[in-house]
N, C-alpha and C. Protein backbone atom coordinates (compact mmCIF):
# COMPACT_ATOMS: atom_id res chain seq x y z
N UNK A 1 49.22 -54.33 18.36
CA UNK A 1 47.90 -54.32 18.85
C UNK A 1 47.90 -53.62 20.17
N UNK A 2 46.90 -52.81 20.36
CA UNK A 2 46.83 -51.98 21.59
C UNK A 2 46.19 -52.79 22.68
N UNK A 3 46.71 -52.66 23.79
CA UNK A 3 46.12 -53.34 24.94
C UNK A 3 45.34 -52.33 25.76
N UNK A 4 44.14 -52.71 26.05
CA UNK A 4 43.28 -51.78 26.81
C UNK A 4 43.46 -51.93 28.30
N UNK A 5 44.27 -52.78 28.73
CA UNK A 5 44.49 -52.96 30.14
C UNK A 5 45.46 -51.94 30.67
N UNK A 6 46.23 -51.28 29.77
CA UNK A 6 47.11 -50.24 30.20
C UNK A 6 46.40 -48.91 30.13
N UNK A 7 46.24 -48.33 31.30
CA UNK A 7 45.55 -47.06 31.37
C UNK A 7 46.45 -45.87 30.95
N UNK A 8 47.69 -45.99 31.10
CA UNK A 8 48.59 -44.88 30.74
C UNK A 8 48.68 -44.59 29.27
N UNK A 9 48.48 -45.57 28.43
CA UNK A 9 48.60 -45.38 27.01
C UNK A 9 47.35 -44.85 26.36
N UNK A 10 46.21 -44.87 27.09
CA UNK A 10 44.99 -44.33 26.54
C UNK A 10 44.88 -42.80 26.74
N UNK A 11 44.42 -42.11 25.73
CA UNK A 11 44.28 -40.66 25.83
C UNK A 11 42.81 -40.33 25.58
N UNK A 12 42.33 -39.34 26.26
CA UNK A 12 40.94 -38.92 26.04
C UNK A 12 40.84 -37.83 25.04
N UNK A 13 39.74 -37.75 24.39
CA UNK A 13 39.52 -36.70 23.34
C UNK A 13 39.08 -35.42 24.12
N UNK A 14 39.91 -34.43 24.13
CA UNK A 14 39.66 -33.21 24.89
C UNK A 14 39.07 -32.12 24.04
N UNK A 15 39.06 -32.22 22.68
CA UNK A 15 38.49 -31.22 21.82
C UNK A 15 37.45 -31.80 20.96
N UNK A 16 36.38 -31.04 20.73
CA UNK A 16 35.31 -31.42 19.81
C UNK A 16 35.47 -30.66 18.49
N UNK A 17 35.48 -31.31 17.39
CA UNK A 17 35.52 -30.67 16.12
C UNK A 17 34.18 -30.00 15.80
N UNK A 18 34.11 -28.66 15.73
CA UNK A 18 32.87 -27.95 15.44
C UNK A 18 32.78 -27.52 14.02
N UNK A 19 33.66 -27.78 13.20
CA UNK A 19 33.62 -27.40 11.81
C UNK A 19 32.37 -27.87 11.08
N UNK A 20 31.93 -29.16 11.23
CA UNK A 20 30.72 -29.54 10.54
C UNK A 20 29.47 -28.85 11.11
N UNK A 21 29.48 -28.46 12.42
CA UNK A 21 28.36 -27.80 13.03
C UNK A 21 28.28 -26.38 12.46
N UNK A 22 29.43 -25.68 12.30
CA UNK A 22 29.42 -24.38 11.68
C UNK A 22 28.95 -24.42 10.24
N UNK A 23 29.40 -25.42 9.48
CA UNK A 23 28.94 -25.56 8.10
C UNK A 23 27.45 -25.64 8.03
N UNK A 24 26.88 -26.45 8.92
CA UNK A 24 25.40 -26.63 8.94
C UNK A 24 24.76 -25.35 9.30
N UNK A 25 25.25 -24.63 10.24
CA UNK A 25 24.68 -23.33 10.69
C UNK A 25 24.64 -22.34 9.53
N UNK A 26 25.77 -22.24 8.81
CA UNK A 26 25.84 -21.32 7.70
C UNK A 26 24.96 -21.73 6.53
N UNK A 27 24.79 -23.00 6.27
CA UNK A 27 23.88 -23.43 5.21
C UNK A 27 22.44 -23.08 5.63
N UNK A 28 22.07 -23.30 6.86
CA UNK A 28 20.69 -22.95 7.30
C UNK A 28 20.47 -21.46 7.22
N UNK A 29 21.46 -20.70 7.58
CA UNK A 29 21.40 -19.22 7.54
C UNK A 29 21.13 -18.76 6.11
N UNK A 30 21.85 -19.29 5.16
CA UNK A 30 21.73 -18.96 3.72
C UNK A 30 20.34 -19.35 3.25
N UNK A 31 19.85 -20.50 3.58
CA UNK A 31 18.51 -20.93 3.23
C UNK A 31 17.46 -19.98 3.74
N UNK A 32 17.55 -19.57 5.01
CA UNK A 32 16.59 -18.62 5.57
C UNK A 32 16.69 -17.23 4.94
N UNK A 33 17.90 -16.77 4.60
CA UNK A 33 18.06 -15.52 3.96
C UNK A 33 17.44 -15.47 2.56
N UNK A 34 17.52 -16.59 1.87
CA UNK A 34 16.98 -16.69 0.53
C UNK A 34 15.50 -16.85 0.51
N UNK A 35 14.90 -17.63 1.44
CA UNK A 35 13.51 -17.92 1.42
C UNK A 35 12.65 -16.90 2.10
N UNK A 36 13.13 -16.08 3.05
CA UNK A 36 12.30 -15.15 3.73
C UNK A 36 11.70 -14.09 2.82
N UNK A 37 12.43 -13.43 1.93
CA UNK A 37 11.73 -12.49 1.06
C UNK A 37 10.68 -13.12 0.17
N UNK A 38 10.88 -14.34 -0.24
CA UNK A 38 9.87 -15.02 -1.09
C UNK A 38 8.60 -15.28 -0.34
N UNK A 39 8.70 -15.55 0.96
CA UNK A 39 7.50 -15.80 1.74
C UNK A 39 6.67 -14.52 1.94
N UNK A 40 7.33 -13.40 2.06
CA UNK A 40 6.64 -12.14 2.32
C UNK A 40 5.91 -11.67 1.07
N UNK A 41 6.40 -11.89 -0.10
CA UNK A 41 5.83 -11.35 -1.32
C UNK A 41 4.90 -12.34 -2.05
N UNK A 42 4.71 -13.51 -1.43
CA UNK A 42 3.89 -14.53 -2.16
C UNK A 42 2.48 -14.52 -1.66
N UNK A 43 1.78 -13.42 -1.85
CA UNK A 43 0.32 -13.30 -1.48
C UNK A 43 -0.49 -13.61 -2.74
N UNK A 44 -1.33 -14.60 -2.61
CA UNK A 44 -2.19 -14.95 -3.75
C UNK A 44 -3.42 -14.19 -3.66
N UNK A 45 -3.76 -13.44 -4.72
CA UNK A 45 -4.94 -12.63 -4.83
C UNK A 45 -5.79 -13.12 -5.96
N UNK A 46 -7.13 -13.15 -5.70
CA UNK A 46 -8.06 -13.51 -6.71
C UNK A 46 -8.63 -12.17 -7.24
N UNK A 47 -8.17 -11.71 -8.38
CA UNK A 47 -8.62 -10.43 -8.92
C UNK A 47 -9.99 -10.68 -9.64
N UNK A 48 -10.97 -9.84 -9.26
CA UNK A 48 -12.26 -10.04 -9.91
C UNK A 48 -12.23 -9.62 -11.36
N UNK A 49 -13.04 -10.29 -12.20
CA UNK A 49 -13.09 -9.97 -13.62
C UNK A 49 -14.53 -9.81 -14.01
N UNK A 50 -14.71 -9.00 -15.01
CA UNK A 50 -16.10 -8.74 -15.47
C UNK A 50 -16.13 -8.90 -17.01
N UNK A 51 -17.20 -9.50 -17.50
CA UNK A 51 -17.35 -9.68 -18.93
C UNK A 51 -17.92 -8.41 -19.52
N UNK A 52 -18.59 -7.58 -18.76
CA UNK A 52 -19.19 -6.36 -19.30
C UNK A 52 -18.18 -5.27 -19.39
N UNK A 53 -18.35 -4.40 -20.38
CA UNK A 53 -17.45 -3.29 -20.52
C UNK A 53 -17.83 -2.20 -19.47
N UNK A 54 -16.79 -1.44 -19.06
CA UNK A 54 -17.09 -0.42 -18.09
C UNK A 54 -17.89 0.69 -18.73
N UNK A 55 -18.91 1.14 -18.02
CA UNK A 55 -19.76 2.22 -18.61
C UNK A 55 -19.04 3.55 -18.50
N UNK A 56 -19.17 4.27 -19.58
CA UNK A 56 -18.48 5.56 -19.63
C UNK A 56 -19.22 6.55 -18.67
N UNK A 57 -18.44 7.37 -18.05
CA UNK A 57 -18.99 8.38 -17.11
C UNK A 57 -19.40 9.61 -17.91
N UNK A 58 -20.58 10.06 -17.69
CA UNK A 58 -21.07 11.25 -18.41
C UNK A 58 -20.29 12.49 -17.82
N UNK A 59 -19.70 13.28 -18.68
CA UNK A 59 -18.88 14.42 -18.21
C UNK A 59 -19.74 15.45 -17.43
N UNK A 60 -21.02 15.49 -17.68
CA UNK A 60 -21.89 16.44 -16.94
C UNK A 60 -22.09 16.03 -15.50
N UNK A 61 -21.84 14.76 -15.19
CA UNK A 61 -21.99 14.22 -13.86
C UNK A 61 -20.72 14.29 -13.08
N UNK A 62 -19.60 14.75 -13.66
CA UNK A 62 -18.35 14.77 -12.98
C UNK A 62 -18.12 16.17 -12.35
N UNK A 63 -17.83 16.14 -11.05
CA UNK A 63 -17.59 17.34 -10.34
C UNK A 63 -16.10 17.41 -9.98
N UNK A 64 -15.54 18.62 -9.88
CA UNK A 64 -14.14 18.76 -9.62
C UNK A 64 -13.89 19.44 -8.25
N UNK A 65 -13.03 18.80 -7.44
CA UNK A 65 -12.59 19.41 -6.20
C UNK A 65 -11.11 19.65 -6.28
N UNK A 66 -10.70 20.91 -6.15
CA UNK A 66 -9.29 21.21 -6.19
C UNK A 66 -8.81 21.64 -4.82
N UNK A 67 -7.56 21.29 -4.47
CA UNK A 67 -7.00 21.73 -3.23
C UNK A 67 -5.55 22.08 -3.53
N UNK A 68 -5.21 23.31 -3.14
CA UNK A 68 -3.82 23.78 -3.40
C UNK A 68 -2.93 23.53 -2.19
N UNK A 69 -1.70 23.98 -2.33
CA UNK A 69 -0.72 23.77 -1.29
C UNK A 69 -1.04 24.52 0.02
N UNK A 70 -1.86 25.60 -0.13
CA UNK A 70 -2.27 26.38 1.08
C UNK A 70 -3.57 25.83 1.68
N UNK A 71 -3.98 24.64 1.20
CA UNK A 71 -5.19 23.93 1.68
C UNK A 71 -6.47 24.68 1.37
N UNK A 72 -6.44 25.44 0.34
CA UNK A 72 -7.68 26.19 -0.07
C UNK A 72 -8.46 25.25 -1.00
N UNK A 73 -9.71 25.01 -0.64
CA UNK A 73 -10.61 24.12 -1.46
C UNK A 73 -11.39 24.89 -2.47
N UNK A 74 -11.52 24.31 -3.63
CA UNK A 74 -12.40 24.82 -4.66
C UNK A 74 -13.25 23.76 -5.22
N UNK A 75 -14.57 24.02 -5.24
CA UNK A 75 -15.50 23.07 -5.79
C UNK A 75 -16.00 23.65 -7.15
N UNK A 76 -15.65 22.98 -8.23
CA UNK A 76 -15.92 23.45 -9.55
C UNK A 76 -15.45 24.89 -9.75
N UNK A 77 -14.21 25.16 -9.27
CA UNK A 77 -13.59 26.49 -9.37
C UNK A 77 -14.21 27.57 -8.51
N UNK A 78 -15.05 27.19 -7.55
CA UNK A 78 -15.59 28.16 -6.64
C UNK A 78 -14.98 27.92 -5.26
N UNK A 79 -14.37 28.90 -4.63
CA UNK A 79 -13.77 28.68 -3.28
C UNK A 79 -14.83 28.32 -2.25
N UNK A 80 -14.56 27.22 -1.50
CA UNK A 80 -15.49 26.80 -0.43
C UNK A 80 -14.66 26.36 0.74
N UNK A 81 -15.36 26.25 1.88
CA UNK A 81 -14.64 25.67 3.10
C UNK A 81 -15.12 24.22 3.17
N UNK A 82 -14.53 23.54 4.16
CA UNK A 82 -14.82 22.08 4.27
C UNK A 82 -16.26 21.77 4.62
N UNK A 83 -16.92 22.58 5.46
CA UNK A 83 -18.28 22.32 5.82
C UNK A 83 -19.19 22.54 4.63
N UNK A 84 -18.94 23.64 3.87
CA UNK A 84 -19.79 23.90 2.72
C UNK A 84 -19.58 22.82 1.64
N UNK A 85 -18.33 22.38 1.50
CA UNK A 85 -18.06 21.34 0.54
C UNK A 85 -18.83 20.03 0.89
N UNK A 86 -18.75 19.68 2.17
CA UNK A 86 -19.46 18.49 2.59
C UNK A 86 -20.95 18.61 2.39
N UNK A 87 -21.57 19.72 2.66
CA UNK A 87 -23.01 19.90 2.44
C UNK A 87 -23.33 19.78 0.98
N UNK A 88 -22.51 20.42 0.13
CA UNK A 88 -22.76 20.37 -1.37
C UNK A 88 -22.64 18.96 -1.89
N UNK A 89 -21.65 18.25 -1.37
CA UNK A 89 -21.49 16.85 -1.87
C UNK A 89 -22.67 15.97 -1.45
N UNK A 90 -23.14 16.15 -0.21
CA UNK A 90 -24.27 15.37 0.26
C UNK A 90 -25.54 15.67 -0.61
N UNK A 91 -25.75 16.99 -0.94
CA UNK A 91 -26.90 17.33 -1.73
C UNK A 91 -26.76 16.82 -3.18
N UNK A 92 -25.50 16.84 -3.69
CA UNK A 92 -25.25 16.25 -5.06
C UNK A 92 -25.53 14.75 -5.07
N UNK A 93 -25.11 14.07 -4.03
CA UNK A 93 -25.30 12.60 -3.99
C UNK A 93 -26.80 12.29 -3.91
N UNK A 94 -27.50 13.09 -3.14
CA UNK A 94 -28.99 12.85 -3.00
C UNK A 94 -29.70 13.12 -4.29
N UNK A 95 -29.25 14.16 -5.10
CA UNK A 95 -29.87 14.51 -6.37
C UNK A 95 -29.47 13.51 -7.48
N UNK A 96 -28.21 13.09 -7.41
CA UNK A 96 -27.71 12.20 -8.45
C UNK A 96 -26.85 11.12 -7.85
N UNK A 97 -27.32 9.86 -7.73
CA UNK A 97 -26.55 8.84 -7.09
C UNK A 97 -25.31 8.44 -7.86
N UNK A 98 -25.27 8.70 -9.13
CA UNK A 98 -24.14 8.32 -9.99
C UNK A 98 -23.09 9.49 -10.13
N UNK A 99 -23.10 10.40 -9.22
CA UNK A 99 -22.14 11.52 -9.31
C UNK A 99 -20.71 11.02 -9.11
N UNK A 100 -19.82 11.60 -9.94
CA UNK A 100 -18.42 11.28 -9.85
C UNK A 100 -17.59 12.51 -9.51
N UNK A 101 -16.54 12.34 -8.71
CA UNK A 101 -15.75 13.49 -8.32
C UNK A 101 -14.31 13.25 -8.69
N UNK A 102 -13.66 14.24 -9.25
CA UNK A 102 -12.25 14.19 -9.53
C UNK A 102 -11.55 15.20 -8.59
N UNK A 103 -10.55 14.66 -7.91
CA UNK A 103 -9.78 15.50 -6.98
C UNK A 103 -8.52 15.94 -7.73
N UNK A 104 -8.25 17.26 -7.66
CA UNK A 104 -7.07 17.81 -8.27
C UNK A 104 -6.19 18.40 -7.17
N UNK A 105 -5.26 17.60 -6.63
CA UNK A 105 -4.42 18.11 -5.53
C UNK A 105 -3.18 18.73 -6.12
N UNK A 106 -2.60 19.64 -5.29
CA UNK A 106 -1.30 20.24 -5.63
C UNK A 106 -0.24 19.24 -5.37
N UNK A 107 0.89 19.36 -6.09
CA UNK A 107 2.03 18.41 -6.01
C UNK A 107 2.63 18.47 -4.60
N UNK A 108 2.66 19.65 -3.97
CA UNK A 108 3.36 19.90 -2.68
C UNK A 108 2.38 19.71 -1.47
N UNK A 109 1.15 19.30 -1.80
CA UNK A 109 0.15 19.09 -0.68
C UNK A 109 0.54 17.92 0.16
N UNK A 110 0.45 18.07 1.50
CA UNK A 110 0.73 16.93 2.38
C UNK A 110 -0.33 15.87 2.18
N UNK A 111 0.08 14.62 2.32
CA UNK A 111 -0.81 13.49 2.06
C UNK A 111 -1.99 13.49 3.03
N UNK A 112 -1.77 13.93 4.23
CA UNK A 112 -2.83 13.92 5.24
C UNK A 112 -3.99 14.80 4.82
N UNK A 113 -3.72 15.87 4.13
CA UNK A 113 -4.77 16.78 3.72
C UNK A 113 -5.58 16.15 2.60
N UNK A 114 -4.95 15.40 1.72
CA UNK A 114 -5.65 14.61 0.69
C UNK A 114 -6.56 13.58 1.29
N UNK A 115 -6.05 12.90 2.33
CA UNK A 115 -6.81 11.89 3.04
C UNK A 115 -8.03 12.50 3.72
N UNK A 116 -7.87 13.71 4.25
CA UNK A 116 -9.00 14.39 4.90
C UNK A 116 -10.06 14.69 3.87
N UNK A 117 -9.65 15.16 2.73
CA UNK A 117 -10.60 15.43 1.60
C UNK A 117 -11.32 14.18 1.20
N UNK A 118 -10.60 13.06 1.11
CA UNK A 118 -11.22 11.79 0.70
C UNK A 118 -12.17 11.30 1.81
N UNK A 119 -11.90 11.63 3.05
CA UNK A 119 -12.86 11.29 4.14
C UNK A 119 -14.15 12.11 4.00
N UNK A 120 -14.03 13.34 3.58
CA UNK A 120 -15.25 14.13 3.33
C UNK A 120 -16.08 13.49 2.24
N UNK A 121 -15.43 12.98 1.20
CA UNK A 121 -16.15 12.29 0.09
C UNK A 121 -16.75 11.01 0.62
N UNK A 122 -16.07 10.33 1.47
CA UNK A 122 -16.63 9.06 1.96
C UNK A 122 -17.83 9.33 2.88
N UNK A 123 -17.80 10.38 3.68
CA UNK A 123 -18.93 10.70 4.53
C UNK A 123 -20.17 11.06 3.65
N UNK A 124 -19.91 11.63 2.46
CA UNK A 124 -21.02 11.98 1.56
C UNK A 124 -21.44 10.74 0.77
N UNK A 125 -20.80 9.61 0.99
CA UNK A 125 -21.08 8.33 0.31
C UNK A 125 -20.87 8.41 -1.19
N UNK A 126 -19.90 9.16 -1.62
CA UNK A 126 -19.55 9.20 -3.04
C UNK A 126 -18.44 8.20 -3.26
N UNK A 127 -18.71 7.23 -4.15
CA UNK A 127 -17.76 6.15 -4.33
C UNK A 127 -17.01 6.27 -5.66
N UNK A 128 -17.48 7.06 -6.55
CA UNK A 128 -16.76 7.26 -7.84
C UNK A 128 -15.85 8.47 -7.68
N UNK A 129 -14.62 8.15 -7.28
CA UNK A 129 -13.63 9.20 -6.99
C UNK A 129 -12.35 8.94 -7.79
N UNK A 130 -11.82 9.97 -8.40
CA UNK A 130 -10.61 9.87 -9.16
C UNK A 130 -9.67 11.00 -8.72
N UNK A 131 -8.35 10.79 -8.92
CA UNK A 131 -7.38 11.79 -8.60
C UNK A 131 -6.68 12.14 -9.92
N UNK A 132 -6.75 13.41 -10.24
CA UNK A 132 -6.18 13.91 -11.47
C UNK A 132 -4.65 13.93 -11.35
N UNK A 133 -3.95 13.38 -12.31
CA UNK A 133 -2.46 13.46 -12.30
C UNK A 133 -2.01 13.85 -13.68
N UNK A 134 -0.76 14.27 -13.73
CA UNK A 134 -0.16 14.67 -14.94
C UNK A 134 0.94 13.69 -15.30
N UNK A 135 1.03 13.23 -16.50
CA UNK A 135 2.09 12.30 -16.92
C UNK A 135 3.45 13.02 -16.83
N UNK A 136 4.41 12.32 -16.27
CA UNK A 136 5.79 12.88 -16.22
C UNK A 136 6.43 12.72 -17.58
N UNK A 137 7.15 13.80 -17.95
CA UNK A 137 7.88 13.70 -19.25
C UNK A 137 9.19 13.03 -19.04
N UNK A 138 9.64 12.22 -20.03
CA UNK A 138 10.94 11.54 -19.90
C UNK A 138 12.11 12.43 -19.98
């Protein structure tokens, strides 16, 4: 039996065992690594639905705006500049509120030029806009 009256036989604990602390830190790190991507991608969206079928667009009401890699604009295959295009689109919208526009961009066109063209359409208050694409072959 140990006697506590003798001070020379008692030793103090000079080291702390940190192994359980490191285990806990690594477990928490793994939990955060696993759950962080799940939190970023878990956005709940309420997608609107309609019982009515989409009305078909009359091809005579569809206008075509083409823009090539040299930023040359064509409105229904007629070369125009941006100011003329804007004026024509405003007059078309005033004459026919259901006008639809299809944009035919070049594959090598910078995205900013396409956004500029879409801004022209937005200023003309044309909301029926489509972008013509070609299906890639396998």
